[in-house]
Amino acid sequence: MNLVSIRIITDDVDRLVDFYEQVTGAPATRFTEDFAELGIGSTTLAIGSTRTVPLFAPGSARAGDNRSVVIEFLVDDVDAVHRDLTGVVTDFVNEPTTMPWGNRALLFRDPDGNLVNFFTPVTPAAIAKFAR
């Protein structure tokens, strides 16, 4: 089994696609006005309009309602990324902070309020975990 995609449901596909293109540097492929994908490493970040929800099950997802999932991206230098995102990201939750498990992490919210974590492993154990 492989986890191949994370999908965010939004009321404003263009706004969220533009945001993720800016913060990741990955271009989006826009299949329709209601659906786009960004290929990031071996995973896809999909962005779908609330108009797509009834295709799965009416009422099964609500835009801007996430309060439990953090979308995480491994980056080479989280401090440099933080400097680059100043002016792009308007809602930083924390500055780059070294976590007890060995990652230096930057947490912020996307325009829909979803939590996003950019992190860089900094301890030998964390570095070894992500060296593949």
C-alpha atoms as a PDB file:
ATOM      1  CA  MET A   1       0.000   0.000   0.000  1.00  0.00           C
ATOM      2  CA  ASN A   2       1.160   3.554  -0.738  1.00  0.00           C
ATOM      3  CA  LEU A   3      -0.215   6.858   0.438  1.00  0.00           C
ATOM      4  CA  VAL A   4      -0.276   8.746  -2.857  1.00  0.00           C
ATOM      5  CA  SER A   5      -2.461  11.778  -2.294  1.00  0.00           C
ATOM      6  CA  ILE A   6      -3.855  14.189   0.248  1.00  0.00           C
ATOM      7  CA  ARG A   7      -6.902  16.171  -0.896  1.00  0.00           C
ATOM      8  CA  ILE A   8      -8.033  19.482   0.519  1.00  0.00           C
ATOM      9  CA  ILE A   9     -11.619  20.539  -0.111  1.00  0.00           C
ATOM     10  CA  THR A  10     -12.031  24.294  -0.498  1.00  0.00           C
ATOM     11  CA  ASP A  11     -14.545  26.946  -1.475  1.00  0.00           C
ATOM     12  CA  ASP A  12     -11.814  28.719  -3.495  1.00  0.00           C
ATOM     13  CA  VAL A  13      -9.655  26.388  -5.601  1.00  0.00           C
ATOM     14  CA  ASP A  14      -7.735  29.208  -7.312  1.00  0.00           C
ATOM     15  CA  ARG A  15      -6.751  30.874  -4.029  1.00  0.00           C
ATOM     16  CA  LEU A  16      -5.543  27.623  -2.465  1.00  0.00           C
ATOM     17  CA  VAL A  17      -3.729  26.434  -5.610  1.00  0.00           C
ATOM     18  CA  ASP A  18      -1.939  29.786  -5.889  1.00  0.00           C
ATOM     19  CA  PHE A  19      -0.929  29.583  -2.218  1.00  0.00           C
ATOM     20  CA  TYR A  20       0.476  26.054  -2.449  1.00  0.00           C
ATOM     21  CA  GLU A  21       2.294  26.846  -5.700  1.00  0.00           C
ATOM     22  CA  GLN A  22       3.980  29.769  -3.931  1.00  0.00           C
ATOM     23  CA  VAL A  23       4.917  27.958  -0.717  1.00  0.00           C
ATOM     24  CA  THR A  24       6.067  24.693  -2.340  1.00  0.00           C
ATOM     25  CA  GLY A  25       7.427  25.948  -5.667  1.00  0.00           C
ATOM     26  CA  ALA A  26       5.572  23.079  -7.360  1.00  0.00           C
ATOM     27  CA  PRO A  27       3.370  23.903 -10.352  1.00  0.00           C
ATOM     28  CA  ALA A  28      -0.230  22.734 -10.275  1.00  0.00           C
ATOM     29  CA  THR A  29      -1.963  20.811 -12.993  1.00  0.00           C
ATOM     30  CA  ARG A  30      -5.509  22.151 -13.207  1.00  0.00           C
ATOM     31  CA  PHE A  31      -7.783  19.458 -14.586  1.00  0.00           C
ATOM     32  CA  THR A  32     -10.987  21.516 -14.238  1.00  0.00           C
ATOM     33  CA  GLU A  33     -11.979  24.696 -12.435  1.00  0.00           C
ATOM     34  CA  ASP A  34     -12.947  22.409  -9.541  1.00  0.00           C
ATOM     35  CA  PHE A  35      -9.837  20.225  -9.273  1.00  0.00           C
ATOM     36  CA  ALA A  36      -6.056  20.603  -9.371  1.00  0.00           C
ATOM     37  CA  GLU A  37      -3.023  18.599  -8.289  1.00  0.00           C
ATOM     38  CA  LEU A  38       0.511  19.497  -7.257  1.00  0.00           C
ATOM     39  CA  GLY A  39       3.107  16.737  -7.566  1.00  0.00           C
ATOM     40  CA  ILE A  40       5.441  17.070  -4.587  1.00  0.00           C
ATOM     41  CA  GLY A  41       8.037  14.338  -4.282  1.00  0.00           C
ATOM     42  CA  SER A  42       6.287  10.992  -4.510  1.00  0.00           C
ATOM     43  CA  THR A  43       2.978  12.401  -3.252  1.00  0.00           C
ATOM     44  CA  THR A  44       0.230  14.474  -4.752  1.00  0.00           C
ATOM     45  CA  LEU A  45      -1.474  17.365  -3.021  1.00  0.00           C
ATOM     46  CA  ALA A  46      -4.937  17.524  -4.579  1.00  0.00           C
ATOM     47  CA  ILE A  47      -7.209  20.529  -4.216  1.00  0.00           C
ATOM     48  CA  GLY A  48     -10.881  20.061  -4.914  1.00  0.00           C
ATOM     49  CA  SER A  49     -13.831  22.383  -4.859  1.00  0.00           C
ATOM     50  CA  THR A  50     -16.742  21.874  -2.501  1.00  0.00           C
ATOM     51  CA  ARG A  51     -18.701  21.284  -5.712  1.00  0.00           C
ATOM     52  CA  THR A  52     -16.892  17.911  -6.015  1.00  0.00           C
ATOM     53  CA  VAL A  53     -18.037  16.604  -2.625  1.00  0.00           C
ATOM     54  CA  PRO A  54     -21.419  15.286  -3.852  1.00  0.00           C
ATOM     55  CA  LEU A  55     -19.536  13.087  -6.332  1.00  0.00           C
ATOM     56  CA  PHE A  56     -18.306  11.076  -3.318  1.00  0.00           C
ATOM     57  CA  ALA A  57     -21.058  11.515  -0.747  1.00  0.00           C
ATOM     58  CA  PRO A  58     -23.082  14.683  -0.140  1.00  0.00           C
ATOM     59  CA  GLY A  59     -21.970  16.447   3.043  1.00  0.00           C
ATOM     60  CA  SER A  60     -18.973  14.144   3.604  1.00  0.00           C
ATOM     61  CA  ALA A  61     -16.442  17.012   3.630  1.00  0.00           C
ATOM     62  CA  ARG A  62     -16.637  20.701   4.504  1.00  0.00           C
ATOM     63  CA  ALA A  63     -14.158  23.337   3.419  1.00  0.00           C
ATOM     64  CA  GLY A  64     -12.142  25.111   6.107  1.00  0.00           C
ATOM     65  CA  ASP A  65     -13.318  22.708   8.810  1.00  0.00           C
ATOM     66  CA  ASN A  66     -10.065  20.832   9.505  1.00  0.00           C
ATOM     67  CA  ARG A  67      -8.835  21.052  13.079  1.00  0.00           C
ATOM     68  CA  SER A  68      -6.992  17.758  13.429  1.00  0.00           C
ATOM     69  CA  VAL A  69      -4.726  17.148  10.404  1.00  0.00           C
ATOM     70  CA  VAL A  70      -1.329  18.730   9.771  1.00  0.00           C
ATOM     71  CA  ILE A  71       0.038  18.651   6.215  1.00  0.00           C
ATOM     72  CA  GLU A  72       3.807  18.143   6.495  1.00  0.00           C
ATOM     73  CA  PHE A  73       6.623  18.856   4.056  1.00  0.00           C
ATOM     74  CA  LEU A  74      10.265  17.874   4.467  1.00  0.00           C
ATOM     75  CA  VAL A  75      12.498  20.790   3.401  1.00  0.00           C
ATOM     76  CA  ASP A  76      16.275  21.220   3.231  1.00  0.00           C
ATOM     77  CA  ASP A  77      16.495  24.345   5.422  1.00  0.00           C
ATOM     78  CA  VAL A  78      13.411  25.344   7.361  1.00  0.00           C
ATOM     79  CA  ASP A  79      14.973  28.608   8.534  1.00  0.00           C
ATOM     80  CA  ALA A  80      15.651  29.701   4.946  1.00  0.00           C
ATOM     81  CA  VAL A  81      12.139  28.643   3.933  1.00  0.00           C
ATOM     82  CA  HIS A  82      10.736  30.722   6.790  1.00  0.00           C
ATOM     83  CA  ARG A  83      12.572  33.786   5.502  1.00  0.00           C
ATOM     84  CA  ASP A  84      11.293  33.102   1.965  1.00  0.00           C
ATOM     85  CA  LEU A  85       7.689  32.693   3.135  1.00  0.00           C
ATOM     86  CA  THR A  86       7.584  35.963   5.034  1.00  0.00           C
ATOM     87  CA  GLY A  87       5.140  38.070   3.061  1.00  0.00           C
ATOM     88  CA  VAL A  88       3.520  35.016   1.449  1.00  0.00           C
ATOM     89  CA  VAL A  89       2.218  33.327   4.595  1.00  0.00           C
ATOM     90  CA  THR A  90       0.047  35.573   6.736  1.00  0.00           C
ATOM     91  CA  ASP A  91      -0.669  33.178   9.614  1.00  0.00           C
ATOM     92  CA  PHE A  92       2.456  31.723  11.192  1.00  0.00           C
ATOM     93  CA  VAL A  93       1.576  29.541  14.192  1.00  0.00           C
ATOM     94  CA  ASN A  94       5.207  29.328  15.326  1.00  0.00           C
ATOM     95  CA  GLU A  95       8.660  30.364  14.233  1.00  0.00           C
ATOM     96  CA  PRO A  96      11.155  27.591  13.382  1.00  0.00           C
ATOM     97  CA  THR A  97      11.453  25.527  16.566  1.00  0.00           C
ATOM     98  CA  THR A  98      13.469  22.395  17.303  1.00  0.00           C
ATOM     99  CA  MET A  99      11.075  19.687  18.461  1.00  0.00           C
ATOM    100  CA  PRO A 100      11.926  16.972  21.024  1.00  0.00           C
ATOM    101  CA  TRP A 101      11.866  14.323  18.250  1.00  0.00           C
ATOM    102  CA  GLY A 102      14.673  16.067  16.350  1.00  0.00           C
ATOM    103  CA  ASN A 103      12.963  18.092  13.640  1.00  0.00           C
ATOM    104  CA  ARG A 104      13.193  21.844  13.299  1.00  0.00           C
ATOM    105  CA  ALA A 105       9.623  22.808  12.432  1.00  0.00           C
ATOM    106  CA  LEU A 106       7.735  25.813  11.088  1.00  0.00           C
ATOM    107  CA  LEU A 107       3.963  25.690  11.526  1.00  0.00           C
ATOM    108  CA  PHE A 108       1.564  27.960   9.666  1.00  0.00           C
ATOM    109  CA  ARG A 109      -1.985  28.020   8.313  1.00  0.00           C
ATOM    110  CA  ASP A 110      -3.006  28.040   4.672  1.00  0.00           C
ATOM    111  CA  PRO A 111      -5.747  30.471   3.546  1.00  0.00           C
ATOM    112  CA  ASP A 112      -8.453  27.932   4.548  1.00  0.00           C
ATOM    113  CA  GLY A 113      -6.992  27.524   8.038  1.00  0.00           C
ATOM    114  CA  ASN A 114      -5.382  24.108   7.460  1.00  0.00           C
ATOM    115  CA  LEU A 115      -2.205  23.558   9.470  1.00  0.00           C
ATOM    116  CA  VAL A 116       0.971  23.167   7.429  1.00  0.00           C
ATOM    117  CA  ASN A 117       4.313  22.090   8.855  1.00  0.00           C
ATOM    118  CA  PHE A 118       7.604  22.573   7.013  1.00  0.00           C
ATOM    119  CA  PHE A 119      10.394  20.736   8.816  1.00  0.00           C
ATOM    120  CA  THR A 120      14.067  19.856   8.601  1.00  0.00           C
ATOM    121  CA  PRO A 121      15.589  16.957  10.568  1.00  0.00           C
ATOM    122  CA  VAL A 122      18.462  18.281  12.700  1.00  0.00           C
ATOM    123  CA  THR A 123      19.460  15.536  15.143  1.00  0.00           C
ATOM    124  CA  PRO A 124      21.383  12.457  14.001  1.00  0.00           C
ATOM    125  CA  ALA A 125      18.375  10.193  14.686  1.00  0.00           C
ATOM    126  CA  ALA A 126      15.956  12.429  12.782  1.00  0.00           C
ATOM    127  CA  ILE A 127      18.400  12.834   9.892  1.00  0.00           C
ATOM    128  CA  ALA A 128      18.852   9.047   9.706  1.00  0.00           C
ATOM    129  CA  LYS A 129      15.069   8.526   9.728  1.00  0.00           C
ATOM    130  CA  PHE A 130      14.624  10.601   6.576  1.00  0.00           C
ATOM    131  CA  ALA A 131      17.817   9.566   4.727  1.00  0.00           C
ATOM    132  CA  ARG A 132      16.446   7.355   1.966  1.00  0.00           C
END
